[in-house]
């Protein structure tokens, strides 16, 4: 079943009939059509400093963590890194349930690995899911991205930017050429 998104403009001078006549529809793409293939990944045993350097160098905020077989085991985000680095400094201000973890991270110091800071149970999507479903999942969960998994293996990443790009490519340009918006 192909989902369609309706786009129309209604002003006080138009009737609903006119809006329906001018309404443009287009098929909602699948996640596979919008995702980034071959995402940058990292090993769970990599030093956290290496992960930070990769994120800065590549300009990404999310690194899927995969095992040797390419199976997704978690996600490392810039927020995870900030928490791991800043938490020890704030240990005395944290609730008791978090204080122990913060102190343990401080003791680890330079030996922190990706597995120490990553999110283990991350929400994923499939390549054949509709982009609308994935976008709703991202919105509801307040996720900046979704790893795209097929049979347990990571096949791509879908970011907020990918969703917006797919939408912008399909909407009629408000002014100018749609290519002018992408550089």
C-alpha atoms as a PDB file:
ATOM      1  CA  UNK A   1       0.000   0.000   0.000  1.00  0.00           C
ATOM      2  CA  UNK A   2       1.401   3.377  -0.981  1.00  0.00           C
ATOM      3  CA  UNK A   3       0.855   6.171   1.514  1.00  0.00           C
ATOM      4  CA  UNK A   4       0.340   9.654   0.137  1.00  0.00           C
ATOM      5  CA  UNK A   5       0.859  13.030   1.757  1.00  0.00           C
ATOM      6  CA  UNK A   6      -1.509  15.819   0.813  1.00  0.00           C
ATOM      7  CA  UNK A   7      -0.184  19.332   0.461  1.00  0.00           C
ATOM      8  CA  UNK A   8      -2.577  22.226  -0.015  1.00  0.00           C
ATOM      9  CA  UNK A   9      -3.174  25.865   0.817  1.00  0.00           C
ATOM     10  CA  UNK A  10      -6.465  27.178   2.153  1.00  0.00           C
ATOM     11  CA  UNK A  11      -7.223  30.868   2.491  1.00  0.00           C
ATOM     12  CA  UNK A  12     -10.455  32.571   3.419  1.00  0.00           C
ATOM     13  CA  UNK A  13     -11.177  33.167  -0.264  1.00  0.00           C
ATOM     14  CA  UNK A  14     -10.897  29.523  -1.310  1.00  0.00           C
ATOM     15  CA  UNK A  15     -13.442  26.832  -0.750  1.00  0.00           C
ATOM     16  CA  UNK A  16     -12.731  23.290   0.308  1.00  0.00           C
ATOM     17  CA  UNK A  17     -13.535  22.202  -3.239  1.00  0.00           C
ATOM     18  CA  UNK A  18     -10.785  24.451  -4.603  1.00  0.00           C
ATOM     19  CA  UNK A  19      -8.345  23.165  -2.022  1.00  0.00           C
ATOM     20  CA  UNK A  20      -9.074  19.568  -2.997  1.00  0.00           C
ATOM     21  CA  UNK A  21      -8.594  20.425  -6.661  1.00  0.00           C
ATOM     22  CA  UNK A  22      -5.229  22.093  -6.006  1.00  0.00           C
ATOM     23  CA  UNK A  23      -4.017  19.541  -3.495  1.00  0.00           C
ATOM     24  CA  UNK A  24      -0.819  17.820  -4.609  1.00  0.00           C
ATOM     25  CA  UNK A  25      -0.118  14.306  -3.437  1.00  0.00           C
ATOM     26  CA  UNK A  26       3.017  12.264  -3.586  1.00  0.00           C
ATOM     27  CA  UNK A  27       3.971   8.805  -2.408  1.00  0.00           C
ATOM     28  CA  UNK A  28       5.620   8.583   0.999  1.00  0.00           C
ATOM     29  CA  UNK A  29       9.079   7.066   0.467  1.00  0.00           C
ATOM     30  CA  UNK A  30      10.444   4.122   2.382  1.00  0.00           C
ATOM     31  CA  UNK A  31      13.266   4.429   4.878  1.00  0.00           C
ATOM     32  CA  UNK A  32      15.584   2.747   2.334  1.00  0.00           C
ATOM     33  CA  UNK A  33      14.997   5.620  -0.088  1.00  0.00           C
ATOM     34  CA  UNK A  34      16.015   8.293   2.438  1.00  0.00           C
ATOM     35  CA  UNK A  35      18.617   6.602   4.676  1.00  0.00           C
ATOM     36  CA  UNK A  36      22.373   6.895   4.502  1.00  0.00           C
ATOM     37  CA  UNK A  37      23.975   3.636   3.454  1.00  0.00           C
ATOM     38  CA  UNK A  38      27.281   2.417   4.858  1.00  0.00           C
ATOM     39  CA  UNK A  39      27.211   4.530   8.039  1.00  0.00           C
ATOM     40  CA  UNK A  40      30.336   5.198  10.038  1.00  0.00           C
ATOM     41  CA  UNK A  41      30.428   2.644  12.851  1.00  0.00           C
ATOM     42  CA  UNK A  42      32.579   1.956  15.872  1.00  0.00           C
ATOM     43  CA  UNK A  43      33.630  -1.070  17.901  1.00  0.00           C
ATOM     44  CA  UNK A  44      32.442  -1.315  21.530  1.00  0.00           C
ATOM     45  CA  UNK A  45      36.046  -1.732  22.721  1.00  0.00           C
ATOM     46  CA  UNK A  46      37.306   1.442  21.020  1.00  0.00           C
ATOM     47  CA  UNK A  47      38.526   4.184  23.369  1.00  0.00           C
ATOM     48  CA  UNK A  48      35.942   6.872  24.000  1.00  0.00           C
ATOM     49  CA  UNK A  49      38.488   9.484  22.893  1.00  0.00           C
ATOM     50  CA  UNK A  50      38.728   7.793  19.483  1.00  0.00           C
ATOM     51  CA  UNK A  51      34.940   7.874  19.140  1.00  0.00           C
ATOM     52  CA  UNK A  52      34.914  11.582  19.985  1.00  0.00           C
ATOM     53  CA  UNK A  53      37.597  12.261  17.377  1.00  0.00           C
ATOM     54  CA  UNK A  54      35.678  10.314  14.710  1.00  0.00           C
ATOM     55  CA  UNK A  55      32.489  12.216  15.484  1.00  0.00           C
ATOM     56  CA  UNK A  56      34.220  15.587  15.237  1.00  0.00           C
ATOM     57  CA  UNK A  57      36.184  14.674  12.096  1.00  0.00           C
ATOM     58  CA  UNK A  58      33.135  13.269  10.272  1.00  0.00           C
ATOM     59  CA  UNK A  59      30.644  15.816  11.628  1.00  0.00           C
ATOM     60  CA  UNK A  60      28.242  13.242  13.059  1.00  0.00           C
ATOM     61  CA  UNK A  61      26.389  13.111  16.359  1.00  0.00           C
ATOM     62  CA  UNK A  62      25.589   9.388  16.348  1.00  0.00           C
ATOM     63  CA  UNK A  63      27.810   6.339  15.944  1.00  0.00           C
ATOM     64  CA  UNK A  64      26.242   2.913  15.645  1.00  0.00           C
ATOM     65  CA  UNK A  65      28.152   0.361  17.690  1.00  0.00           C
ATOM     66  CA  UNK A  66      28.517  -2.958  15.889  1.00  0.00           C
ATOM     67  CA  UNK A  67      30.142  -6.291  16.629  1.00  0.00           C
ATOM     68  CA  UNK A  68      32.561  -8.095  14.323  1.00  0.00           C
ATOM     69  CA  UNK A  69      29.675  -9.497  12.244  1.00  0.00           C
ATOM     70  CA  UNK A  70      28.131  -6.069  11.591  1.00  0.00           C
ATOM     71  CA  UNK A  71      25.300  -6.658  14.035  1.00  0.00           C
ATOM     72  CA  UNK A  72      24.050  -3.561  15.827  1.00  0.00           C
ATOM     73  CA  UNK A  73      24.615  -3.769  19.572  1.00  0.00           C
ATOM     74  CA  UNK A  74      24.016  -0.145  20.528  1.00  0.00           C
ATOM     75  CA  UNK A  75      24.444   3.521  19.746  1.00  0.00           C
ATOM     76  CA  UNK A  76      26.915   6.128  20.935  1.00  0.00           C
ATOM     77  CA  UNK A  77      25.682   9.709  20.793  1.00  0.00           C
ATOM     78  CA  UNK A  78      27.253  13.042  21.570  1.00  0.00           C
ATOM     79  CA  UNK A  79      24.929  13.157  24.578  1.00  0.00           C
ATOM     80  CA  UNK A  80      26.285   9.805  25.837  1.00  0.00           C
ATOM     81  CA  UNK A  81      29.813  11.196  25.609  1.00  0.00           C
ATOM     82  CA  UNK A  82      28.901  14.403  27.435  1.00  0.00           C
ATOM     83  CA  UNK A  83      27.265  12.386  30.194  1.00  0.00           C
ATOM     84  CA  UNK A  84      30.299  10.128  30.582  1.00  0.00           C
ATOM     85  CA  UNK A  85      32.740  13.026  30.655  1.00  0.00           C
ATOM     86  CA  UNK A  86      30.734  15.487  32.746  1.00  0.00           C
ATOM     87  CA  UNK A  87      29.046  13.117  35.205  1.00  0.00           C
ATOM     88  CA  UNK A  88      32.157  12.532  37.358  1.00  0.00           C
ATOM     89  CA  UNK A  89      32.532  16.270  37.916  1.00  0.00           C
ATOM     90  CA  UNK A  90      28.925  16.507  39.081  1.00  0.00           C
ATOM     91  CA  UNK A  91      28.918  13.333  41.190  1.00  0.00           C
ATOM     92  CA  UNK A  92      28.145  15.021  44.522  1.00  0.00           C
ATOM     93  CA  UNK A  93      25.108  16.794  43.012  1.00  0.00           C
ATOM     94  CA  UNK A  94      23.624  13.654  41.455  1.00  0.00           C
ATOM     95  CA  UNK A  95      20.923  11.533  43.080  1.00  0.00           C
ATOM     96  CA  UNK A  96      22.314   8.548  44.997  1.00  0.00           C
ATOM     97  CA  UNK A  97      21.250   6.083  42.294  1.00  0.00           C
ATOM     98  CA  UNK A  98      23.482   7.846  39.722  1.00  0.00           C
ATOM     99  CA  UNK A  99      26.354   8.790  42.064  1.00  0.00           C
ATOM    100  CA  UNK A 100      27.867   5.280  42.027  1.00  0.00           C
ATOM    101  CA  UNK A 101      28.013   5.181  38.231  1.00  0.00           C
ATOM    102  CA  UNK A 102      29.556   8.654  38.105  1.00  0.00           C
ATOM    103  CA  UNK A 103      32.233   7.668  40.600  1.00  0.00           C
ATOM    104  CA  UNK A 104      32.969   4.475  38.658  1.00  0.00           C
ATOM    105  CA  UNK A 105      33.377   6.497  35.459  1.00  0.00           C
ATOM    106  CA  UNK A 106      35.757   8.846  37.244  1.00  0.00           C
ATOM    107  CA  UNK A 107      37.887   5.901  38.417  1.00  0.00           C
ATOM    108  CA  UNK A 108      38.010   4.582  34.856  1.00  0.00           C
ATOM    109  CA  UNK A 109      39.277   7.941  33.644  1.00  0.00           C
ATOM    110  CA  UNK A 110      41.307   7.547  30.463  1.00  0.00           C
ATOM    111  CA  UNK A 111      40.375   3.877  30.150  1.00  0.00           C
ATOM    112  CA  UNK A 112      36.785   4.647  29.165  1.00  0.00           C
ATOM    113  CA  UNK A 113      35.612   2.597  26.208  1.00  0.00           C
ATOM    114  CA  UNK A 114      32.642   3.047  23.920  1.00  0.00           C
ATOM    115  CA  UNK A 115      30.830   0.217  25.732  1.00  0.00           C
ATOM    116  CA  UNK A 116      31.062   2.228  28.981  1.00  0.00           C
ATOM    117  CA  UNK A 117      29.103   5.180  27.601  1.00  0.00           C
ATOM    118  CA  UNK A 118      26.922   3.831  24.788  1.00  0.00           C
ATOM    119  CA  UNK A 119      23.188   3.191  24.822  1.00  0.00           C
ATOM    120  CA  UNK A 120      22.733  -0.565  24.617  1.00  0.00           C
ATOM    121  CA  UNK A 121      19.048  -0.905  23.781  1.00  0.00           C
ATOM    122  CA  UNK A 122      18.428   1.497  20.932  1.00  0.00           C
ATOM    123  CA  UNK A 123      15.266   1.863  18.908  1.00  0.00           C
ATOM    124  CA  UNK A 124      15.644   0.854  15.265  1.00  0.00           C
ATOM    125  CA  UNK A 125      13.689   0.787  12.035  1.00  0.00           C
ATOM    126  CA  UNK A 126      13.638  -1.420   8.949  1.00  0.00           C
ATOM    127  CA  UNK A 127      14.509  -0.395   5.390  1.00  0.00           C
ATOM    128  CA  UNK A 128      11.010  -1.255   4.151  1.00  0.00           C
ATOM    129  CA  UNK A 129       9.246   0.893   6.785  1.00  0.00           C
ATOM    130  CA  UNK A 130       7.573   4.045   5.535  1.00  0.00           C
ATOM    131  CA  UNK A 131       9.432   7.275   6.140  1.00  0.00           C
ATOM    132  CA  UNK A 132       6.306   8.606   7.861  1.00  0.00           C
ATOM    133  CA  UNK A 133       6.407   5.737  10.389  1.00  0.00           C
ATOM    134  CA  UNK A 134      10.105   6.278  11.059  1.00  0.00           C
ATOM    135  CA  UNK A 135       9.651  10.042  11.428  1.00  0.00           C
ATOM    136  CA  UNK A 136       6.817   9.497  13.907  1.00  0.00           C
ATOM    137  CA  UNK A 137       8.995   7.095  15.903  1.00  0.00           C
ATOM    138  CA  UNK A 138      11.817   9.657  15.944  1.00  0.00           C
ATOM    139  CA  UNK A 139       9.444  12.413  17.040  1.00  0.00           C
ATOM    140  CA  UNK A 140       7.755  10.344  19.762  1.00  0.00           C
ATOM    141  CA  UNK A 141      11.043   9.096  21.172  1.00  0.00           C
ATOM    142  CA  UNK A 142      12.884  12.407  20.703  1.00  0.00           C
ATOM    143  CA  UNK A 143      15.562  10.593  18.694  1.00  0.00           C
ATOM    144  CA  UNK A 144      17.892  12.415  16.322  1.00  0.00           C
ATOM    145  CA  UNK A 145      18.375   9.277  14.275  1.00  0.00           C
ATOM    146  CA  UNK A 146      17.328   5.682  13.866  1.00  0.00           C
ATOM    147  CA  UNK A 147      19.671   2.860  12.938  1.00  0.00           C
ATOM    148  CA  UNK A 148      18.242   0.887  10.018  1.00  0.00           C
ATOM    149  CA  UNK A 149      18.505  -2.845  10.657  1.00  0.00           C
ATOM    150  CA  UNK A 150      17.716  -5.839   8.477  1.00  0.00           C
ATOM    151  CA  UNK A 151      17.977  -9.298  10.083  1.00  0.00           C
ATOM    152  CA  UNK A 152      19.965  -7.810  12.969  1.00  0.00           C
ATOM    153  CA  UNK A 153      22.614  -6.256  10.718  1.00  0.00           C
ATOM    154  CA  UNK A 154      23.042  -2.523  10.349  1.00  0.00           C
ATOM    155  CA  UNK A 155      22.292  -1.465   6.763  1.00  0.00           C
ATOM    156  CA  UNK A 156      21.993   2.303   7.198  1.00  0.00           C
ATOM    157  CA  UNK A 157      21.185   5.313   9.345  1.00  0.00           C
ATOM    158  CA  UNK A 158      18.210   7.634   9.123  1.00  0.00           C
ATOM    159  CA  UNK A 159      18.796  11.083  10.597  1.00  0.00           C
ATOM    160  CA  UNK A 160      16.535  14.086  11.086  1.00  0.00           C
ATOM    161  CA  UNK A 161      18.329  15.711   8.180  1.00  0.00           C
ATOM    162  CA  UNK A 162      17.588  12.720   5.915  1.00  0.00           C
ATOM    163  CA  UNK A 163      13.873  12.964   6.753  1.00  0.00           C
ATOM    164  CA  UNK A 164      13.809  16.686   6.057  1.00  0.00           C
ATOM    165  CA  UNK A 165      15.740  16.260   2.808  1.00  0.00           C
ATOM    166  CA  UNK A 166      13.284  13.605   1.585  1.00  0.00           C
ATOM    167  CA  UNK A 167      10.370  15.887   2.421  1.00  0.00           C
ATOM    168  CA  UNK A 168      11.957  18.950   0.791  1.00  0.00           C
ATOM    169  CA  UNK A 169      12.728  17.001  -2.381  1.00  0.00           C
ATOM    170  CA  UNK A 170       9.073  16.031  -2.728  1.00  0.00           C
ATOM    171  CA  UNK A 171       7.332  19.259  -1.777  1.00  0.00           C
ATOM    172  CA  UNK A 172       6.770  21.879  -4.458  1.00  0.00           C
ATOM    173  CA  UNK A 173       9.349  24.634  -4.120  1.00  0.00           C
ATOM    174  CA  UNK A 174       7.989  27.753  -2.478  1.00  0.00           C
ATOM    175  CA  UNK A 175      10.447  29.929  -4.354  1.00  0.00           C
ATOM    176  CA  UNK A 176      13.357  29.166  -6.541  1.00  0.00           C
ATOM    177  CA  UNK A 177      14.672  25.806  -7.596  1.00  0.00           C
ATOM    178  CA  UNK A 178      14.670  22.942  -5.080  1.00  0.00           C
ATOM    179  CA  UNK A 179      18.330  22.304  -5.931  1.00  0.00           C
ATOM    180  CA  UNK A 180      19.155  25.745  -4.525  1.00  0.00           C
ATOM    181  CA  UNK A 181      18.351  24.457  -1.031  1.00  0.00           C
ATOM    182  CA  UNK A 182      20.927  21.675  -1.089  1.00  0.00           C
ATOM    183  CA  UNK A 183      24.623  22.351  -1.157  1.00  0.00           C
END
